């Protein structure tokens, strides 16, 4: 939300005639910024703390990001399906997400995977 509002503000600063709308967007930006301090969002922890995944957890996330399913990851790595599920579950907990798409997005944001 903040990047979108910031982009709008930058564009509106060039347009002198939209002064009241510009003021409204700036107020919305500041309100969103203040709220972001109190609630965890997708970018929470981005600057605050580093999340450390084990090499296996990272590898499983990388394979998930490539589109492999748990059974295919188990076959490729030689690990059991339960072990793969355990690695993904622990990675989800560390990344504070509930599904693979969010885990991949979060891990990419944090630079854990490419």
N, C-alpha and C. Protein backbone atom coordinates (compact mmCIF):
# COMPACT_ATOMS: atom_id res chain seq x y z
N UNK A 1 0.82 -1.18 0.00
CA UNK A 1 0.00 0.00 0.00
C UNK A 1 0.86 1.25 0.00
N UNK A 2 1.87 1.26 0.85
CA UNK A 2 2.72 2.46 0.94
C UNK A 2 3.44 2.76 -0.38
N UNK A 3 4.01 1.78 -1.07
CA UNK A 3 4.65 2.11 -2.35
C UNK A 3 3.68 2.67 -3.38
N UNK A 4 2.45 2.19 -3.38
CA UNK A 4 1.46 2.69 -4.34
C UNK A 4 1.13 4.14 -4.02
N UNK A 5 0.86 4.44 -2.75
CA UNK A 5 0.55 5.81 -2.37
C UNK A 5 1.74 6.73 -2.63
N UNK A 6 2.93 6.25 -2.35
CA UNK A 6 4.13 7.05 -2.60
C UNK A 6 4.26 7.39 -4.08
N UNK A 7 3.99 6.43 -4.93
CA UNK A 7 4.05 6.65 -6.37
C UNK A 7 3.02 7.69 -6.81
N UNK A 8 1.81 7.60 -6.27
CA UNK A 8 0.77 8.57 -6.60
C UNK A 8 1.18 9.96 -6.16
N UNK A 9 1.74 10.07 -4.97
CA UNK A 9 2.18 11.37 -4.46
C UNK A 9 3.22 11.98 -5.39
N UNK A 10 4.18 11.18 -5.83
CA UNK A 10 5.23 11.69 -6.72
C UNK A 10 4.62 12.22 -8.02
N UNK A 11 3.64 11.51 -8.56
CA UNK A 11 3.01 11.95 -9.81
C UNK A 11 2.17 13.20 -9.60
N UNK A 12 1.50 13.28 -8.45
CA UNK A 12 0.65 14.43 -8.18
C UNK A 12 1.45 15.69 -7.89
N UNK A 13 2.67 15.54 -7.39
CA UNK A 13 3.50 16.72 -7.11
C UNK A 13 3.84 17.47 -8.39
N UNK A 14 3.79 16.78 -9.51
CA UNK A 14 4.05 17.43 -10.80
C UNK A 14 2.82 18.18 -11.31
N UNK A 15 1.63 17.80 -10.83
CA UNK A 15 0.37 18.39 -11.28
C UNK A 15 -0.10 19.42 -10.24
N UNK A 16 0.02 20.68 -10.54
CA UNK A 16 -0.30 21.75 -9.60
C UNK A 16 -1.80 21.87 -9.35
N UNK A 17 -2.64 21.52 -10.32
CA UNK A 17 -4.08 21.71 -10.21
C UNK A 17 -4.76 20.72 -9.26
N UNK A 18 -4.13 19.65 -8.91
CA UNK A 18 -4.76 18.63 -8.07
C UNK A 18 -4.36 18.76 -6.60
N UNK A 19 -4.32 19.98 -6.10
CA UNK A 19 -3.82 20.26 -4.76
C UNK A 19 -4.63 19.56 -3.66
N UNK A 20 -5.96 19.61 -3.70
CA UNK A 20 -6.75 18.99 -2.63
C UNK A 20 -6.63 17.46 -2.69
N UNK A 21 -6.62 16.89 -3.89
CA UNK A 21 -6.45 15.45 -4.02
C UNK A 21 -5.06 15.03 -3.55
N UNK A 22 -4.06 15.84 -3.86
CA UNK A 22 -2.69 15.58 -3.43
C UNK A 22 -2.61 15.54 -1.91
N UNK A 23 -3.27 16.49 -1.26
CA UNK A 23 -3.29 16.56 0.20
C UNK A 23 -3.98 15.30 0.78
N UNK A 24 -5.08 14.90 0.15
CA UNK A 24 -5.81 13.69 0.58
C UNK A 24 -4.92 12.45 0.49
N UNK A 25 -4.22 12.29 -0.61
CA UNK A 25 -3.34 11.12 -0.79
C UNK A 25 -2.21 11.15 0.22
N UNK A 26 -1.65 12.33 0.49
CA UNK A 26 -0.58 12.42 1.49
C UNK A 26 -1.09 12.01 2.87
N UNK A 27 -2.29 12.46 3.21
CA UNK A 27 -2.88 12.07 4.50
C UNK A 27 -3.10 10.57 4.56
N UNK A 28 -3.57 9.98 3.47
CA UNK A 28 -3.76 8.53 3.41
C UNK A 28 -2.43 7.82 3.57
N UNK A 29 -1.39 8.34 2.94
CA UNK A 29 -0.05 7.75 3.05
C UNK A 29 0.43 7.77 4.50
N UNK A 30 0.31 8.91 5.15
CA UNK A 30 0.77 9.02 6.54
C UNK A 30 -0.04 8.13 7.47
N UNK A 31 -1.35 8.02 7.22
CA UNK A 31 -2.19 7.14 8.03
C UNK A 31 -1.78 5.68 7.83
N UNK A 32 -1.55 5.29 6.58
CA UNK A 32 -1.12 3.92 6.30
C UNK A 32 0.24 3.64 6.92
N UNK A 33 1.13 4.62 6.87
CA UNK A 33 2.46 4.46 7.46
C UNK A 33 2.35 4.24 8.97
N UNK A 34 1.51 5.05 9.64
CA UNK A 34 1.34 4.90 11.08
C UNK A 34 0.74 3.53 11.43
N UNK A 35 -0.22 3.08 10.63
CA UNK A 35 -0.83 1.78 10.87
C UNK A 35 0.18 0.65 10.64
N UNK A 36 1.07 0.83 9.68
CA UNK A 36 2.04 -0.22 9.38
C UNK A 36 2.98 -0.48 10.55
N UNK A 37 3.12 0.50 11.42
CA UNK A 37 3.97 0.32 12.60
C UNK A 37 3.33 -0.62 13.62
N UNK A 38 2.00 -0.73 13.57
CA UNK A 38 1.27 -1.49 14.58
C UNK A 38 0.83 -2.87 14.13
N UNK A 39 0.80 -3.12 12.83
CA UNK A 39 0.30 -4.38 12.32
C UNK A 39 1.34 -5.05 11.45
N UNK A 40 1.42 -6.36 11.58
CA UNK A 40 2.34 -7.12 10.75
C UNK A 40 1.75 -7.26 9.36
N UNK A 41 2.54 -6.96 8.38
CA UNK A 41 2.13 -7.14 7.00
C UNK A 41 3.16 -7.99 6.29
N UNK A 42 3.05 -8.07 4.99
CA UNK A 42 3.98 -8.89 4.21
C UNK A 42 5.41 -8.38 4.33
N UNK A 43 5.58 -7.07 4.59
CA UNK A 43 6.93 -6.53 4.68
C UNK A 43 7.45 -6.42 6.11
N UNK A 44 6.67 -6.82 7.09
CA UNK A 44 7.13 -6.80 8.47
C UNK A 44 8.37 -7.68 8.60
N UNK A 45 9.30 -7.31 9.41
CA UNK A 45 10.57 -8.02 9.62
C UNK A 45 11.54 -7.86 8.46
N UNK A 46 11.14 -7.19 7.41
CA UNK A 46 12.02 -7.04 6.26
C UNK A 46 13.32 -6.34 6.66
N UNK A 47 13.22 -5.36 7.54
CA UNK A 47 14.39 -4.62 7.96
C UNK A 47 14.79 -4.97 9.39
N UNK A 48 13.88 -5.55 10.15
CA UNK A 48 14.09 -5.71 11.58
C UNK A 48 14.95 -6.92 11.92
N UNK A 49 14.62 -8.07 11.37
CA UNK A 49 15.35 -9.26 11.77
C UNK A 49 15.56 -10.20 10.58
N UNK A 50 16.63 -10.92 10.64
CA UNK A 50 16.91 -11.90 9.59
C UNK A 50 16.31 -13.24 10.00
N UNK A 51 15.69 -13.88 9.05
CA UNK A 51 15.11 -15.20 9.29
C UNK A 51 16.09 -16.23 8.75
N UNK A 52 16.43 -17.20 9.59
CA UNK A 52 17.39 -18.21 9.18
C UNK A 52 16.67 -19.54 9.00
N UNK A 53 16.77 -20.05 7.78
CA UNK A 53 16.24 -21.37 7.47
C UNK A 53 17.39 -22.35 7.39
N UNK A 54 17.12 -23.59 7.71
CA UNK A 54 18.14 -24.62 7.56
C UNK A 54 18.40 -24.81 6.06
N UNK A 55 19.55 -25.40 5.71
CA UNK A 55 19.82 -25.64 4.28
C UNK A 55 18.73 -26.49 3.62
N UNK A 56 18.18 -27.48 4.34
CA UNK A 56 17.13 -28.33 3.77
C UNK A 56 15.84 -27.54 3.57
N UNK A 57 15.49 -26.70 4.54
CA UNK A 57 14.28 -25.88 4.41
C UNK A 57 14.41 -24.94 3.22
N UNK A 58 15.56 -24.33 3.08
CA UNK A 58 15.81 -23.43 1.96
C UNK A 58 15.72 -24.20 0.63
N UNK A 59 16.32 -25.38 0.58
CA UNK A 59 16.31 -26.18 -0.64
C UNK A 59 14.88 -26.58 -1.02
N UNK A 60 14.09 -26.98 -0.04
CA UNK A 60 12.70 -27.34 -0.30
C UNK A 60 11.93 -26.13 -0.83
N UNK A 61 12.14 -24.95 -0.24
CA UNK A 61 11.47 -23.74 -0.73
C UNK A 61 11.90 -23.42 -2.17
N UNK A 62 13.17 -23.59 -2.45
CA UNK A 62 13.65 -23.34 -3.82
C UNK A 62 12.96 -24.27 -4.81
N UNK A 63 12.81 -25.54 -4.44
CA UNK A 63 12.14 -26.50 -5.32
C UNK A 63 10.65 -26.18 -5.45
N UNK A 64 10.03 -25.73 -4.37
CA UNK A 64 8.63 -25.30 -4.44
C UNK A 64 8.49 -24.10 -5.39
N UNK A 65 9.46 -23.19 -5.31
CA UNK A 65 9.44 -22.01 -6.17
C UNK A 65 9.59 -22.39 -7.65
N UNK A 66 10.24 -23.51 -7.91
CA UNK A 66 10.40 -23.99 -9.29
C UNK A 66 9.15 -24.72 -9.78
N UNK A 67 8.19 -24.92 -8.87
CA UNK A 67 6.94 -25.55 -9.28
C UNK A 67 6.80 -27.02 -8.92
N UNK A 68 7.77 -27.56 -8.22
CA UNK A 68 7.68 -28.97 -7.83
C UNK A 68 6.67 -29.15 -6.70
N UNK A 69 6.01 -30.28 -6.70
CA UNK A 69 5.10 -30.65 -5.62
C UNK A 69 5.88 -31.45 -4.58
N UNK A 70 5.28 -31.59 -3.39
CA UNK A 70 5.97 -32.30 -2.31
C UNK A 70 6.42 -33.70 -2.71
N UNK A 71 5.58 -34.44 -3.42
CA UNK A 71 5.95 -35.81 -3.82
C UNK A 71 7.13 -35.78 -4.79
N UNK A 72 7.16 -34.82 -5.69
CA UNK A 72 8.28 -34.70 -6.63
C UNK A 72 9.56 -34.30 -5.91
N UNK A 73 9.43 -33.44 -4.89
CA UNK A 73 10.60 -33.04 -4.10
C UNK A 73 11.14 -34.24 -3.34
N UNK A 74 10.26 -35.05 -2.80
CA UNK A 74 10.68 -36.26 -2.08
C UNK A 74 11.43 -37.20 -3.01
N UNK A 75 10.92 -37.38 -4.22
CA UNK A 75 11.60 -38.25 -5.18
C UNK A 75 12.95 -37.69 -5.58
N UNK A 76 13.01 -36.39 -5.79
CA UNK A 76 14.25 -35.76 -6.26
C UNK A 76 15.33 -35.74 -5.18
N UNK A 77 14.93 -35.53 -3.94
CA UNK A 77 15.91 -35.41 -2.86
C UNK A 77 16.21 -36.72 -2.17
N UNK A 78 15.32 -37.70 -2.33
CA UNK A 78 15.51 -38.97 -1.65
C UNK A 78 15.01 -38.95 -0.21
N UNK A 79 14.37 -37.87 0.19
CA UNK A 79 13.81 -37.76 1.53
C UNK A 79 12.38 -38.27 1.51
N UNK A 80 11.88 -38.64 2.68
CA UNK A 80 10.49 -39.12 2.73
C UNK A 80 9.53 -37.93 2.60
N UNK A 81 8.31 -38.24 2.22
CA UNK A 81 7.29 -37.21 2.07
C UNK A 81 7.03 -36.51 3.41
N UNK A 82 7.05 -37.27 4.51
CA UNK A 82 6.86 -36.67 5.84
C UNK A 82 7.98 -35.71 6.19
N UNK A 83 9.21 -36.04 5.79
CA UNK A 83 10.34 -35.15 6.05
C UNK A 83 10.18 -33.86 5.26
N UNK A 84 9.74 -33.96 4.02
CA UNK A 84 9.50 -32.77 3.20
C UNK A 84 8.43 -31.91 3.84
N UNK A 85 7.36 -32.53 4.29
CA UNK A 85 6.27 -31.79 4.95
C UNK A 85 6.76 -31.10 6.21
N UNK A 86 7.63 -31.77 6.96
CA UNK A 86 8.19 -31.17 8.17
C UNK A 86 9.05 -29.96 7.83
N UNK A 87 9.89 -30.08 6.81
CA UNK A 87 10.73 -28.94 6.40
C UNK A 87 9.87 -27.76 5.96
N UNK A 88 8.82 -28.03 5.19
CA UNK A 88 7.96 -26.92 4.74
C UNK A 88 7.21 -26.32 5.92
N UNK A 89 6.73 -27.14 6.82
CA UNK A 89 6.00 -26.64 8.00
C UNK A 89 6.89 -25.73 8.84
N UNK A 90 8.12 -26.16 9.07
CA UNK A 90 9.05 -25.35 9.87
C UNK A 90 9.42 -24.05 9.15
N UNK A 91 9.59 -24.12 7.84
CA UNK A 91 9.89 -22.92 7.06
C UNK A 91 8.72 -21.94 7.13
N UNK A 92 7.50 -22.46 7.02
CA UNK A 92 6.30 -21.61 7.11
C UNK A 92 6.25 -20.91 8.47
N UNK A 93 6.55 -21.64 9.52
CA UNK A 93 6.53 -21.06 10.86
C UNK A 93 7.57 -19.94 10.98
N UNK A 94 8.76 -20.19 10.49
CA UNK A 94 9.82 -19.18 10.59
C UNK A 94 9.49 -17.94 9.75
N UNK A 95 8.87 -18.16 8.61
CA UNK A 95 8.51 -17.05 7.72
C UNK A 95 7.17 -16.41 8.09
N UNK A 96 6.48 -17.01 9.05
CA UNK A 96 5.17 -16.52 9.52
C UNK A 96 4.15 -16.47 8.39
N UNK A 97 4.04 -17.58 7.66
CA UNK A 97 3.08 -17.71 6.56
C UNK A 97 2.32 -19.03 6.71
N UNK A 98 1.30 -19.22 5.85
CA UNK A 98 0.48 -20.42 5.96
C UNK A 98 0.44 -21.27 4.69
N UNK A 99 1.08 -20.80 3.62
CA UNK A 99 1.03 -21.59 2.39
C UNK A 99 2.30 -21.37 1.58
N UNK A 100 2.47 -22.19 0.56
CA UNK A 100 3.72 -22.16 -0.21
C UNK A 100 3.89 -20.87 -1.00
N UNK A 101 2.82 -20.34 -1.55
CA UNK A 101 2.93 -19.10 -2.32
C UNK A 101 3.42 -17.95 -1.45
N UNK A 102 2.84 -17.82 -0.27
CA UNK A 102 3.29 -16.77 0.65
C UNK A 102 4.72 -17.02 1.12
N UNK A 103 5.06 -18.28 1.34
CA UNK A 103 6.42 -18.62 1.78
C UNK A 103 7.44 -18.25 0.71
N UNK A 104 7.13 -18.56 -0.53
CA UNK A 104 8.05 -18.24 -1.63
C UNK A 104 8.19 -16.73 -1.78
N UNK A 105 7.06 -16.03 -1.73
CA UNK A 105 7.08 -14.56 -1.84
C UNK A 105 7.90 -13.95 -0.72
N UNK A 106 7.66 -14.39 0.49
CA UNK A 106 8.37 -13.85 1.66
C UNK A 106 9.87 -14.17 1.59
N UNK A 107 10.20 -15.41 1.23
CA UNK A 107 11.61 -15.80 1.14
C UNK A 107 12.33 -15.01 0.06
N UNK A 108 11.66 -14.72 -1.05
CA UNK A 108 12.28 -13.89 -2.09
C UNK A 108 12.47 -12.47 -1.61
N UNK A 109 11.48 -11.93 -0.91
CA UNK A 109 11.61 -10.56 -0.38
C UNK A 109 12.78 -10.44 0.57
N UNK A 110 12.98 -11.47 1.36
CA UNK A 110 14.06 -11.43 2.35
C UNK A 110 15.41 -11.84 1.78
N UNK A 111 15.42 -12.25 0.50
CA UNK A 111 16.67 -12.63 -0.13
C UNK A 111 17.14 -14.02 0.25
N UNK A 112 16.25 -14.83 0.80
CA UNK A 112 16.63 -16.18 1.19
C UNK A 112 16.73 -17.07 -0.04
N UNK A 113 15.81 -16.89 -0.97
CA UNK A 113 15.87 -17.61 -2.24
C UNK A 113 15.79 -16.60 -3.38
N UNK A 114 16.15 -17.05 -4.56
CA UNK A 114 16.15 -16.16 -5.73
C UNK A 114 14.87 -16.31 -6.51
